[in-house]
N, C-alpha and C. Protein backbone atom coordinates (compact mmCIF):
# COMPACT_ATOMS: atom_id res chain seq x y z
N MET A 1 3.68 66.50 17.37
CA MET A 1 3.70 65.76 16.15
C MET A 1 4.74 64.65 16.20
N SER A 2 5.91 64.94 16.82
CA SER A 2 6.94 63.93 16.87
C SER A 2 6.52 62.77 17.76
N GLU A 3 5.70 63.06 18.79
CA GLU A 3 5.21 61.99 19.64
C GLU A 3 4.28 61.08 18.85
N GLY A 4 3.41 61.63 18.00
CA GLY A 4 2.51 60.85 17.14
C GLY A 4 3.29 60.04 16.13
N MET A 5 4.39 60.63 15.62
CA MET A 5 5.22 59.90 14.66
C MET A 5 5.92 58.74 15.35
N GLY A 6 6.28 58.92 16.63
CA GLY A 6 6.92 57.85 17.39
C GLY A 6 5.99 56.66 17.56
N HIS A 7 4.70 56.95 17.87
CA HIS A 7 3.72 55.87 17.99
C HIS A 7 3.51 55.18 16.66
N ALA A 8 3.45 55.94 15.59
CA ALA A 8 3.27 55.37 14.26
C ALA A 8 4.45 54.50 13.89
N ALA A 9 5.66 54.95 14.22
CA ALA A 9 6.86 54.16 13.91
C ALA A 9 6.86 52.87 14.72
N ASN A 10 6.47 52.94 16.01
CA ASN A 10 6.39 51.73 16.84
C ASN A 10 5.34 50.77 16.29
N ASP A 11 4.18 51.31 15.92
CA ASP A 11 3.12 50.48 15.35
C ASP A 11 3.60 49.80 14.06
N PHE A 12 4.31 50.56 13.23
CA PHE A 12 4.84 50.02 11.98
C PHE A 12 5.86 48.90 12.26
N ARG A 13 6.77 49.16 13.23
CA ARG A 13 7.77 48.15 13.61
C ARG A 13 7.08 46.91 14.18
N ASN A 14 6.10 47.11 15.03
CA ASN A 14 5.37 45.98 15.61
C ASN A 14 4.64 45.17 14.53
N ALA A 15 4.06 45.87 13.57
CA ALA A 15 3.37 45.19 12.47
C ALA A 15 4.37 44.37 11.65
N LYS A 16 5.57 44.95 11.40
CA LYS A 16 6.59 44.21 10.63
C LYS A 16 7.07 42.99 11.42
N ILE A 17 7.27 43.14 12.71
CA ILE A 17 7.70 42.02 13.55
C ILE A 17 6.62 40.94 13.56
N HIS A 18 5.37 41.38 13.73
CA HIS A 18 4.25 40.43 13.73
C HIS A 18 4.18 39.67 12.40
N GLU A 19 4.34 40.39 11.30
CA GLU A 19 4.30 39.77 9.97
C GLU A 19 5.45 38.77 9.79
N GLU A 20 6.64 39.14 10.25
CA GLU A 20 7.80 38.26 10.15
C GLU A 20 7.60 37.00 11.00
N LEU A 21 7.07 37.16 12.20
CA LEU A 21 6.80 36.01 13.05
C LEU A 21 5.73 35.10 12.43
N ARG A 22 4.71 35.69 11.81
CA ARG A 22 3.67 34.90 11.13
C ARG A 22 4.28 34.09 9.99
N ARG A 23 5.16 34.72 9.19
CA ARG A 23 5.82 34.02 8.07
C ARG A 23 6.68 32.87 8.58
N ARG A 24 7.42 33.11 9.65
CA ARG A 24 8.26 32.05 10.23
C ARG A 24 7.41 30.88 10.74
N ALA A 25 6.31 31.20 11.40
CA ALA A 25 5.42 30.16 11.91
C ALA A 25 4.85 29.33 10.76
N GLU A 26 4.43 29.99 9.69
CA GLU A 26 3.92 29.27 8.52
C GLU A 26 5.00 28.39 7.92
N SER A 27 6.21 28.92 7.84
CA SER A 27 7.33 28.16 7.28
C SER A 27 7.64 26.93 8.13
N LEU A 28 7.65 27.10 9.44
CA LEU A 28 7.88 25.96 10.33
C LEU A 28 6.76 24.94 10.23
N ALA A 29 5.52 25.40 10.17
CA ALA A 29 4.38 24.50 10.05
C ALA A 29 4.46 23.72 8.75
N GLN A 30 4.84 24.38 7.67
CA GLN A 30 4.96 23.72 6.38
C GLN A 30 6.07 22.68 6.44
N GLY A 31 7.17 22.99 7.08
CA GLY A 31 8.27 22.04 7.24
C GLY A 31 7.84 20.82 8.02
N GLN A 32 7.01 21.00 9.06
CA GLN A 32 6.52 19.87 9.84
C GLN A 32 5.59 19.01 9.01
N GLU A 33 4.74 19.62 8.18
CA GLU A 33 3.86 18.85 7.31
C GLU A 33 4.68 18.01 6.35
N GLU A 34 5.74 18.58 5.79
CA GLU A 34 6.59 17.84 4.87
C GLU A 34 7.27 16.68 5.58
N GLU A 35 7.68 16.87 6.84
CA GLU A 35 8.29 15.79 7.60
C GLU A 35 7.29 14.65 7.81
N VAL A 36 6.05 14.99 8.14
CA VAL A 36 5.03 13.96 8.34
C VAL A 36 4.81 13.19 7.05
N ILE A 37 4.71 13.89 5.94
CA ILE A 37 4.50 13.23 4.66
C ILE A 37 5.71 12.37 4.31
N ALA A 38 6.91 12.86 4.57
CA ALA A 38 8.12 12.10 4.26
C ALA A 38 8.23 10.86 5.13
N ASP A 39 7.62 10.88 6.31
CA ASP A 39 7.70 9.75 7.23
C ASP A 39 6.45 8.87 7.13
N ALA A 40 5.71 8.99 6.04
CA ALA A 40 4.51 8.18 5.84
C ALA A 40 4.81 7.05 4.86
N GLU A 41 3.99 6.03 4.96
CA GLU A 41 4.13 4.87 4.08
C GLU A 41 2.85 4.73 3.27
N GLY A 42 2.98 4.66 1.95
CA GLY A 42 1.83 4.49 1.07
C GLY A 42 1.41 3.03 1.00
N LEU A 43 0.11 2.79 1.12
CA LEU A 43 -0.42 1.43 1.08
C LEU A 43 -1.59 1.35 0.11
N LEU A 44 -1.66 0.25 -0.65
CA LEU A 44 -2.82 -0.05 -1.49
C LEU A 44 -3.61 -1.12 -0.76
N LEU A 45 -4.83 -0.77 -0.36
CA LEU A 45 -5.69 -1.68 0.41
C LEU A 45 -6.43 -2.63 -0.52
N PHE A 46 -6.66 -3.86 -0.06
CA PHE A 46 -7.46 -4.82 -0.80
C PHE A 46 -8.07 -5.81 0.18
N ARG A 47 -9.13 -6.47 -0.27
CA ARG A 47 -9.86 -7.41 0.58
C ARG A 47 -9.69 -8.82 0.05
N LEU A 48 -9.49 -9.74 0.98
CA LEU A 48 -9.52 -11.18 0.72
C LEU A 48 -10.55 -11.76 1.68
N GLY A 49 -11.62 -12.30 1.17
CA GLY A 49 -12.70 -12.78 2.04
C GLY A 49 -13.24 -11.61 2.83
N GLU A 50 -13.26 -11.73 4.14
CA GLU A 50 -13.75 -10.67 5.01
C GLU A 50 -12.63 -9.81 5.58
N GLU A 51 -11.39 -10.13 5.26
CA GLU A 51 -10.25 -9.45 5.87
C GLU A 51 -9.62 -8.46 4.88
N TRP A 52 -9.06 -7.38 5.43
CA TRP A 52 -8.39 -6.36 4.62
C TRP A 52 -6.89 -6.45 4.79
N TYR A 53 -6.22 -6.30 3.67
CA TYR A 53 -4.76 -6.36 3.61
C TYR A 53 -4.27 -5.17 2.80
N ALA A 54 -2.95 -5.05 2.69
CA ALA A 54 -2.37 -3.97 1.90
C ALA A 54 -1.01 -4.39 1.36
N PHE A 55 -0.67 -3.82 0.21
CA PHE A 55 0.70 -3.89 -0.31
C PHE A 55 1.30 -2.52 -0.13
N ARG A 56 2.58 -2.47 0.20
CA ARG A 56 3.29 -1.19 0.19
C ARG A 56 3.29 -0.69 -1.24
N ILE A 57 2.97 0.56 -1.42
CA ILE A 57 2.76 1.12 -2.75
C ILE A 57 4.02 1.08 -3.61
N ASP A 58 5.19 1.09 -2.99
CA ASP A 58 6.41 1.06 -3.79
C ASP A 58 6.62 -0.27 -4.50
N GLY A 59 5.88 -1.30 -4.13
CA GLY A 59 5.95 -2.59 -4.82
C GLY A 59 4.83 -2.82 -5.82
N VAL A 60 3.91 -1.86 -5.90
CA VAL A 60 2.77 -1.99 -6.82
C VAL A 60 3.12 -1.28 -8.13
N ARG A 61 2.99 -2.02 -9.21
CA ARG A 61 3.28 -1.44 -10.52
C ARG A 61 2.04 -0.84 -11.17
N GLU A 62 0.91 -1.55 -11.11
CA GLU A 62 -0.32 -1.05 -11.71
C GLU A 62 -1.49 -1.94 -11.34
N ILE A 63 -2.68 -1.47 -11.67
CA ILE A 63 -3.91 -2.26 -11.57
C ILE A 63 -4.21 -2.70 -13.00
N TYR A 64 -4.51 -3.99 -13.19
CA TYR A 64 -4.69 -4.54 -14.52
C TYR A 64 -6.11 -5.08 -14.65
N ASN A 65 -6.80 -4.67 -15.71
CA ASN A 65 -8.19 -5.05 -15.95
C ASN A 65 -8.32 -5.83 -17.26
N ASP A 66 -9.43 -6.50 -17.42
CA ASP A 66 -9.79 -7.14 -18.69
C ASP A 66 -8.66 -7.98 -19.27
N TYR A 67 -8.43 -9.11 -18.67
CA TYR A 67 -7.35 -9.97 -19.12
C TYR A 67 -7.85 -11.41 -19.26
N LEU A 68 -7.18 -12.14 -20.10
CA LEU A 68 -7.45 -13.55 -20.27
C LEU A 68 -6.25 -14.33 -19.74
N VAL A 69 -6.53 -15.30 -18.90
CA VAL A 69 -5.48 -16.10 -18.30
C VAL A 69 -5.25 -17.34 -19.16
N THR A 70 -4.00 -17.60 -19.46
CA THR A 70 -3.61 -18.83 -20.14
C THR A 70 -3.15 -19.81 -19.07
N ARG A 71 -3.82 -20.94 -19.01
CA ARG A 71 -3.46 -21.94 -18.00
C ARG A 71 -2.11 -22.56 -18.34
N ILE A 72 -1.41 -22.93 -17.29
CA ILE A 72 -0.16 -23.67 -17.48
C ILE A 72 -0.21 -24.90 -16.57
N PRO A 73 0.28 -26.04 -17.08
CA PRO A 73 0.19 -27.27 -16.29
C PRO A 73 1.25 -27.36 -15.21
N ARG A 74 0.94 -28.18 -14.21
CA ARG A 74 1.89 -28.58 -13.17
C ARG A 74 2.46 -27.41 -12.38
N VAL A 75 1.59 -26.52 -11.97
CA VAL A 75 1.98 -25.42 -11.10
C VAL A 75 1.16 -25.51 -9.82
N PRO A 76 1.60 -24.89 -8.76
CA PRO A 76 0.80 -24.90 -7.52
C PRO A 76 -0.60 -24.32 -7.76
N ASP A 77 -1.55 -24.72 -6.91
CA ASP A 77 -2.95 -24.30 -7.10
C ASP A 77 -3.16 -22.80 -6.99
N PHE A 78 -2.24 -22.06 -6.39
CA PHE A 78 -2.41 -20.61 -6.29
C PHE A 78 -1.94 -19.87 -7.55
N ILE A 79 -1.31 -20.56 -8.48
CA ILE A 79 -0.94 -19.95 -9.76
C ILE A 79 -2.05 -20.27 -10.75
N LEU A 80 -2.80 -19.24 -11.16
CA LEU A 80 -3.92 -19.44 -12.07
C LEU A 80 -3.47 -19.61 -13.50
N GLY A 81 -2.29 -19.09 -13.83
CA GLY A 81 -1.77 -19.16 -15.19
C GLY A 81 -0.91 -17.94 -15.46
N VAL A 82 -0.90 -17.50 -16.72
CA VAL A 82 -0.11 -16.33 -17.11
C VAL A 82 -0.96 -15.41 -17.97
N VAL A 83 -0.55 -14.14 -18.02
CA VAL A 83 -1.18 -13.15 -18.90
C VAL A 83 -0.08 -12.39 -19.64
N ASN A 84 -0.47 -11.83 -20.76
CA ASN A 84 0.44 -11.00 -21.53
C ASN A 84 0.13 -9.54 -21.21
N VAL A 85 1.06 -8.86 -20.54
CA VAL A 85 0.88 -7.45 -20.19
C VAL A 85 1.83 -6.64 -21.08
N ARG A 86 1.29 -6.13 -22.16
CA ARG A 86 2.06 -5.33 -23.12
C ARG A 86 3.37 -6.00 -23.51
N GLY A 87 3.28 -7.29 -23.87
CA GLY A 87 4.44 -8.03 -24.33
C GLY A 87 5.22 -8.75 -23.25
N GLU A 88 4.90 -8.54 -22.00
CA GLU A 88 5.58 -9.20 -20.89
C GLU A 88 4.68 -10.31 -20.35
N ILE A 89 5.21 -11.53 -20.27
CA ILE A 89 4.45 -12.65 -19.72
C ILE A 89 4.55 -12.61 -18.20
N VAL A 90 3.37 -12.51 -17.54
CA VAL A 90 3.30 -12.32 -16.10
C VAL A 90 2.44 -13.43 -15.50
N SER A 91 2.92 -14.04 -14.43
CA SER A 91 2.13 -15.06 -13.74
C SER A 91 0.94 -14.39 -13.05
N VAL A 92 -0.14 -15.16 -12.89
CA VAL A 92 -1.33 -14.68 -12.19
C VAL A 92 -1.46 -15.51 -10.91
N THR A 93 -1.39 -14.82 -9.78
CA THR A 93 -1.41 -15.48 -8.47
C THR A 93 -2.72 -15.19 -7.76
N ASP A 94 -3.37 -16.23 -7.28
CA ASP A 94 -4.57 -16.09 -6.44
C ASP A 94 -4.06 -15.97 -5.01
N LEU A 95 -3.96 -14.75 -4.50
CA LEU A 95 -3.34 -14.50 -3.20
C LEU A 95 -4.09 -15.17 -2.07
N GLY A 96 -5.41 -15.18 -2.13
CA GLY A 96 -6.19 -15.82 -1.07
C GLY A 96 -5.87 -17.30 -0.93
N THR A 97 -5.72 -17.99 -2.05
CA THR A 97 -5.35 -19.41 -2.02
C THR A 97 -3.93 -19.56 -1.51
N MET A 98 -3.04 -18.66 -1.94
CA MET A 98 -1.64 -18.74 -1.53
C MET A 98 -1.47 -18.62 -0.01
N ILE A 99 -2.18 -17.65 0.58
CA ILE A 99 -1.99 -17.45 2.02
C ILE A 99 -3.09 -18.11 2.86
N ARG A 100 -3.94 -18.88 2.20
CA ARG A 100 -4.97 -19.68 2.85
C ARG A 100 -5.95 -18.85 3.68
N VAL A 101 -6.55 -17.88 3.04
CA VAL A 101 -7.58 -17.08 3.70
C VAL A 101 -8.92 -17.79 3.51
N PRO A 102 -9.60 -18.14 4.60
CA PRO A 102 -10.86 -18.89 4.50
C PRO A 102 -12.03 -18.03 4.01
N SER A 103 -13.08 -18.72 3.58
CA SER A 103 -14.36 -18.14 3.14
C SER A 103 -14.19 -16.96 2.20
N ARG A 104 -13.57 -17.22 1.08
CA ARG A 104 -13.39 -16.18 0.07
C ARG A 104 -14.09 -16.59 -1.21
N THR A 105 -14.13 -15.70 -2.14
CA THR A 105 -14.77 -15.95 -3.42
C THR A 105 -14.05 -17.08 -4.15
N GLN A 106 -14.81 -18.07 -4.60
CA GLN A 106 -14.20 -19.15 -5.39
C GLN A 106 -13.99 -18.66 -6.81
N ARG A 107 -12.83 -18.94 -7.36
CA ARG A 107 -12.47 -18.46 -8.69
C ARG A 107 -12.52 -19.59 -9.71
N SER A 108 -13.01 -19.25 -10.86
CA SER A 108 -12.96 -20.15 -12.00
C SER A 108 -12.44 -19.34 -13.17
N LEU A 109 -11.54 -19.91 -13.93
CA LEU A 109 -10.99 -19.17 -15.07
C LEU A 109 -12.04 -18.98 -16.17
N ASP A 110 -13.16 -19.73 -16.06
CA ASP A 110 -14.23 -19.54 -17.03
C ASP A 110 -15.03 -18.29 -16.72
N ASP A 111 -14.99 -17.83 -15.48
CA ASP A 111 -15.68 -16.59 -15.08
C ASP A 111 -14.76 -15.41 -15.33
N ALA A 112 -15.35 -14.22 -15.37
CA ALA A 112 -14.54 -13.00 -15.48
C ALA A 112 -13.81 -12.80 -14.16
N LEU A 113 -12.51 -12.62 -14.24
CA LEU A 113 -11.72 -12.39 -13.04
C LEU A 113 -11.72 -10.90 -12.71
N PRO A 114 -11.64 -10.59 -11.42
CA PRO A 114 -11.61 -9.17 -11.03
C PRO A 114 -10.29 -8.53 -11.43
N SER A 115 -10.22 -7.24 -11.25
CA SER A 115 -8.96 -6.53 -11.51
C SER A 115 -7.84 -7.17 -10.71
N ALA A 116 -6.66 -7.12 -11.28
CA ALA A 116 -5.49 -7.69 -10.60
C ALA A 116 -4.53 -6.57 -10.24
N ILE A 117 -3.78 -6.78 -9.19
CA ILE A 117 -2.75 -5.83 -8.77
C ILE A 117 -1.42 -6.39 -9.26
N ILE A 118 -0.76 -5.68 -10.13
CA ILE A 118 0.54 -6.15 -10.60
C ILE A 118 1.60 -5.63 -9.64
N ILE A 119 2.27 -6.58 -9.00
CA ILE A 119 3.32 -6.25 -8.04
C ILE A 119 4.66 -6.70 -8.61
N ALA A 120 5.71 -6.06 -8.15
CA ALA A 120 7.04 -6.39 -8.66
C ALA A 120 8.11 -6.07 -7.64
N ASN A 121 9.18 -6.85 -7.70
CA ASN A 121 10.43 -6.51 -7.02
C ASN A 121 11.54 -6.74 -8.04
N GLU A 122 12.77 -6.72 -7.61
CA GLU A 122 13.87 -6.85 -8.56
C GLU A 122 13.98 -8.25 -9.15
N ARG A 123 13.32 -9.25 -8.56
CA ARG A 123 13.43 -10.63 -9.01
C ARG A 123 12.23 -11.14 -9.80
N CYS A 124 11.05 -10.58 -9.57
CA CYS A 124 9.85 -11.20 -10.10
C CYS A 124 8.72 -10.19 -10.27
N VAL A 125 7.75 -10.54 -11.12
CA VAL A 125 6.54 -9.75 -11.33
C VAL A 125 5.37 -10.73 -11.31
N SER A 126 4.24 -10.32 -10.72
CA SER A 126 3.05 -11.16 -10.73
C SER A 126 1.81 -10.28 -10.71
N ALA A 127 0.77 -10.77 -11.37
CA ALA A 127 -0.55 -10.15 -11.29
C ALA A 127 -1.31 -10.88 -10.19
N VAL A 128 -1.64 -10.18 -9.13
CA VAL A 128 -2.25 -10.80 -7.95
C VAL A 128 -3.75 -10.54 -7.98
N VAL A 129 -4.52 -11.62 -7.94
CA VAL A 129 -5.97 -11.53 -7.95
C VAL A 129 -6.46 -11.50 -6.50
N VAL A 130 -7.29 -10.51 -6.18
CA VAL A 130 -7.87 -10.37 -4.85
C VAL A 130 -9.38 -10.22 -5.00
N ASP A 131 -10.11 -10.21 -3.89
CA ASP A 131 -11.57 -10.10 -3.96
C ASP A 131 -12.04 -8.68 -4.26
N GLU A 132 -11.36 -7.69 -3.73
CA GLU A 132 -11.75 -6.29 -3.94
C GLU A 132 -10.53 -5.40 -3.74
N ILE A 133 -10.37 -4.42 -4.63
CA ILE A 133 -9.29 -3.46 -4.49
C ILE A 133 -9.86 -2.22 -3.83
N GLY A 134 -9.19 -1.77 -2.79
CA GLY A 134 -9.64 -0.60 -2.03
C GLY A 134 -8.89 0.65 -2.44
N ASP A 135 -8.71 1.53 -1.48
CA ASP A 135 -8.08 2.83 -1.71
C ASP A 135 -6.57 2.75 -1.51
N ILE A 136 -5.92 3.82 -1.96
CA ILE A 136 -4.52 4.04 -1.64
C ILE A 136 -4.52 5.02 -0.48
N THR A 137 -3.76 4.73 0.55
CA THR A 137 -3.72 5.59 1.73
C THR A 137 -2.29 5.72 2.22
N GLU A 138 -2.05 6.71 3.03
CA GLU A 138 -0.74 6.89 3.66
C GLU A 138 -0.92 6.77 5.16
N VAL A 139 0.00 6.05 5.79
CA VAL A 139 0.00 5.91 7.24
C VAL A 139 1.38 6.28 7.76
N PRO A 140 1.45 6.88 8.93
CA PRO A 140 2.77 7.16 9.51
C PRO A 140 3.51 5.84 9.76
N ARG A 141 4.79 5.81 9.43
CA ARG A 141 5.59 4.58 9.61
C ARG A 141 5.55 4.09 11.05
N GLY A 142 5.45 5.02 12.00
CA GLY A 142 5.40 4.64 13.41
C GLY A 142 4.13 3.89 13.79
N ASP A 143 3.07 3.98 12.96
CA ASP A 143 1.83 3.28 13.24
C ASP A 143 1.87 1.82 12.80
N VAL A 144 2.84 1.45 11.97
CA VAL A 144 2.94 0.07 11.49
C VAL A 144 3.55 -0.79 12.60
N GLU A 145 2.83 -1.84 12.95
CA GLU A 145 3.24 -2.74 14.03
C GLU A 145 3.67 -4.09 13.45
N PRO A 146 4.37 -4.89 14.23
CA PRO A 146 4.72 -6.25 13.76
C PRO A 146 3.45 -7.05 13.50
N ALA A 147 3.58 -8.08 12.69
CA ALA A 147 2.43 -8.95 12.41
C ALA A 147 1.94 -9.59 13.69
N LEU A 148 0.65 -9.85 13.75
CA LEU A 148 0.06 -10.46 14.94
C LEU A 148 0.57 -11.87 15.14
N SER A 149 0.86 -12.22 16.37
CA SER A 149 1.36 -13.57 16.67
C SER A 149 0.24 -14.60 16.62
N THR A 150 -1.00 -14.15 16.52
CA THR A 150 -2.13 -15.08 16.49
C THR A 150 -2.41 -15.61 15.09
N LEU A 151 -1.67 -15.13 14.09
CA LEU A 151 -1.90 -15.60 12.73
C LEU A 151 -1.50 -17.07 12.60
N ASP A 152 -2.23 -17.77 11.76
CA ASP A 152 -1.87 -19.13 11.40
C ASP A 152 -0.45 -19.13 10.84
N ARG A 153 0.33 -20.14 11.15
CA ARG A 153 1.74 -20.19 10.71
C ARG A 153 1.85 -20.05 9.20
N ALA A 154 0.92 -20.65 8.46
CA ALA A 154 0.95 -20.57 7.00
C ALA A 154 0.72 -19.13 6.53
N GLN A 155 -0.08 -18.37 7.26
CA GLN A 155 -0.34 -16.98 6.90
C GLN A 155 0.76 -16.05 7.40
N ALA A 156 1.31 -16.35 8.56
CA ALA A 156 2.26 -15.45 9.22
C ALA A 156 3.46 -15.11 8.35
N GLU A 157 3.95 -16.07 7.58
CA GLU A 157 5.12 -15.79 6.75
C GLU A 157 4.81 -14.79 5.63
N PHE A 158 3.54 -14.61 5.30
CA PHE A 158 3.16 -13.70 4.23
C PHE A 158 2.78 -12.31 4.73
N VAL A 159 2.70 -12.12 6.03
CA VAL A 159 2.29 -10.83 6.59
C VAL A 159 3.50 -10.18 7.28
N ALA A 160 3.89 -9.01 6.76
CA ALA A 160 5.08 -8.33 7.26
C ALA A 160 4.79 -7.38 8.41
N GLY A 161 3.54 -7.02 8.60
CA GLY A 161 3.18 -6.09 9.66
C GLY A 161 1.69 -5.84 9.63
N SER A 162 1.24 -4.93 10.49
CA SER A 162 -0.17 -4.59 10.52
C SER A 162 -0.33 -3.14 10.96
N VAL A 163 -1.48 -2.59 10.64
CA VAL A 163 -1.78 -1.21 11.02
C VAL A 163 -3.29 -1.11 11.21
N TYR A 164 -3.70 -0.32 12.21
CA TYR A 164 -5.12 -0.05 12.40
C TYR A 164 -5.47 1.17 11.56
N LEU A 165 -6.52 1.04 10.76
CA LEU A 165 -6.94 2.11 9.87
C LEU A 165 -8.46 2.15 9.85
N ASP A 166 -9.03 3.26 10.25
CA ASP A 166 -10.49 3.42 10.30
C ASP A 166 -11.17 2.29 11.06
N GLY A 167 -10.56 1.89 12.18
CA GLY A 167 -11.16 0.86 13.01
C GLY A 167 -10.96 -0.56 12.51
N ARG A 168 -10.21 -0.74 11.43
CA ARG A 168 -9.95 -2.08 10.89
C ARG A 168 -8.47 -2.41 11.04
N LEU A 169 -8.21 -3.66 11.29
CA LEU A 169 -6.83 -4.14 11.32
C LEU A 169 -6.47 -4.54 9.90
N ILE A 170 -5.42 -3.93 9.36
CA ILE A 170 -4.97 -4.20 8.00
C ILE A 170 -3.66 -4.96 8.08
N GLY A 171 -3.60 -6.13 7.45
CA GLY A 171 -2.35 -6.90 7.38
C GLY A 171 -1.54 -6.41 6.19
N ILE A 172 -0.29 -6.06 6.41
CA ILE A 172 0.58 -5.60 5.33
C ILE A 172 1.31 -6.83 4.79
N VAL A 173 1.04 -7.14 3.54
CA VAL A 173 1.56 -8.37 2.93
C VAL A 173 3.05 -8.23 2.61
N ASN A 174 3.80 -9.27 2.90
CA ASN A 174 5.22 -9.34 2.59
C ASN A 174 5.36 -9.61 1.10
N LEU A 175 5.56 -8.57 0.35
CA LEU A 175 5.61 -8.64 -1.11
C LEU A 175 6.74 -9.57 -1.58
N ASP A 176 7.89 -9.51 -0.93
CA ASP A 176 9.00 -10.37 -1.34
C ASP A 176 8.68 -11.85 -1.17
N LYS A 177 7.92 -12.19 -0.13
CA LYS A 177 7.54 -13.59 0.07
C LYS A 177 6.54 -14.03 -1.00
N VAL A 178 5.59 -13.17 -1.33
CA VAL A 178 4.62 -13.49 -2.38
C VAL A 178 5.32 -13.68 -3.72
N LEU A 179 6.33 -12.86 -3.98
CA LEU A 179 7.04 -12.92 -5.26
C LEU A 179 8.22 -13.89 -5.27
N GLU A 180 8.40 -14.63 -4.20
CA GLU A 180 9.49 -15.60 -4.16
C GLU A 180 9.29 -16.64 -5.25
N PRO A 181 10.29 -16.82 -6.11
CA PRO A 181 10.14 -17.84 -7.18
C PRO A 181 9.79 -19.20 -6.59
N ILE A 182 8.94 -19.93 -7.27
CA ILE A 182 8.41 -21.19 -6.75
C ILE A 182 9.52 -22.17 -6.42
N GLY A 183 10.53 -22.28 -7.22
CA GLY A 183 11.63 -23.21 -6.96
C GLY A 183 12.43 -22.86 -5.73
N ASP A 184 12.38 -21.61 -5.26
CA ASP A 184 13.15 -21.18 -4.10
C ASP A 184 12.57 -21.65 -2.78
N ASN A 185 11.28 -21.96 -2.73
CA ASN A 185 10.69 -22.35 -1.45
C ASN A 185 10.53 -23.85 -1.32
N VAL A 186 11.26 -24.60 -2.09
CA VAL A 186 11.22 -26.06 -2.00
C VAL A 186 12.41 -26.52 -1.19
């Protein structure tokens, strides 16, 4: 009987060790998942013409729908006007015109404008009009590469990096450059 109890005690000990090792493995795996998530960068995808771009999500304040633009005189052609967003006057920027993306949807303020992406930094806020708003996604920071050297010089200053996502090259827009006050780039 004592020999049977010895086997039972060993089996019990082995089961406890196995269970403890399983818990540790799960804990380590969970820690690795958290590290991957912590080392990811959130991006809001959008389309200009045939090309896809993204804003880093930490610079995106909201998506804004159903707005009327008030025109303002003597501004660059990429400034469509201003809108009132819950009491805050926000400029409306046509990003495609600003960064000179060819073959895109022509905009008229008489037509209904698509949803705008309201972006902000510590200096400025703007509602950015694009052709199509895509998904929000996360990419590992290590996957973000420098901007392509083949970009047109006028576009290159607005693209902070690039990432391949689902077989597409996504240009990550330099939010600070887009939000640079107009008087600062003269």
